[in-house]
Amino acid sequence: SAPGRFADYFVICGLDTETGLEPDELSGENFEQTPLRRTFKSKVLARYPENVEWNPFDQDAVGMLCMPKGLAFKTQADSREPQFHSFIITREDGSRTFGFSLTFFEEVTSKQICSAMQTLYHMHNAEYDILRTPPTKDKESCSSTGDCNGTSVSKLQRFNSYDISRDTLYVSKCICLITPMSFMKACKKVLEQLHQAVTSPQPPPLPLESYIYNILYEVPLPPAGRSLKFSGVYGPIICQRPSTSELPLFDFPVKEVFELLGVENVVQLFTCALLEFQILLYSQ
């Protein structure tokens, strides 16, 4: 039986430098996109512990849900703000486990990966020039008007390109907590503080492994109706578990639902739920 720990796994997903750049077919690969706009396969790079008997690790599910759009590459010219999201894994017996992921970008240090991205750009630009080269009879008119479609579009395509001698390449990476209960706010703070410790010029008070060990082995699930306070890397983290007489745990801001869907849609959804209509939410 589960010992009632706050978190079961700490997971790291990202680029496997040994396998290199593999197109991610599940995310809808489009070779017409420039290489920086394509998605590549991510891998589960590490997990701690290796396995727990009450919550077997599903590597395929966790890997896919941690980074549902696969790996993303950017340069120093792009925005690289960290993004947080949550997910649920429902097993065949109906039991659930919860995941919380923080995706950020780190500099690519592998020369092989940088060279591979440069090669992809050379191939893309060569193919694009062939497709966009106007017929011989139209070249004179293009040059005289200065408005050749092939040239203008080619310049636009190359605007967001990658030059290994000029640009710094960044790739997405993800740290994740797998937990038995959906303490979203607490898990988000844990991951944000860990990420802050990695990127901060000043090292944290203790090694990062100490904080990860603490969250996995020493922080318990709060009993029903009780609150729990434990130490993060830079400050305390608090979570509360409802009692059996309260509404179930829902640790997500309702404000975001109204911001994303609008008041009318929320009212319509609530009406459909009360009338027991089937509801399907579709999103990219």
Foldseek 3Di string as FASTA:
>chain_A
DDPFAFFAKKWKKWDDVVVAFAFDVQLPADLLAQPQPGAGAMATPDMPPPADPVDGDDRVVCRCVQCVNHKHKAWPVDDWDKDKDKDWDADPVRAIKIKIKIKTKDFDPDPVNLVVSVVSNVVSLVVLLVVQPDDPVCPVVCVVVVPRPSVVVSVVSCPRGDDSVPITMMMMMMIMTMGRDCQPVLRVVQVVLLVCQVPPPDHFPDPPVVQVCCSNPPHGNDPAQDKDWDDHRPGIGIDHAHHPVDDHDDNDDVVVVCVVQNDVRVVVVVVCVVVVHDDDDDDD
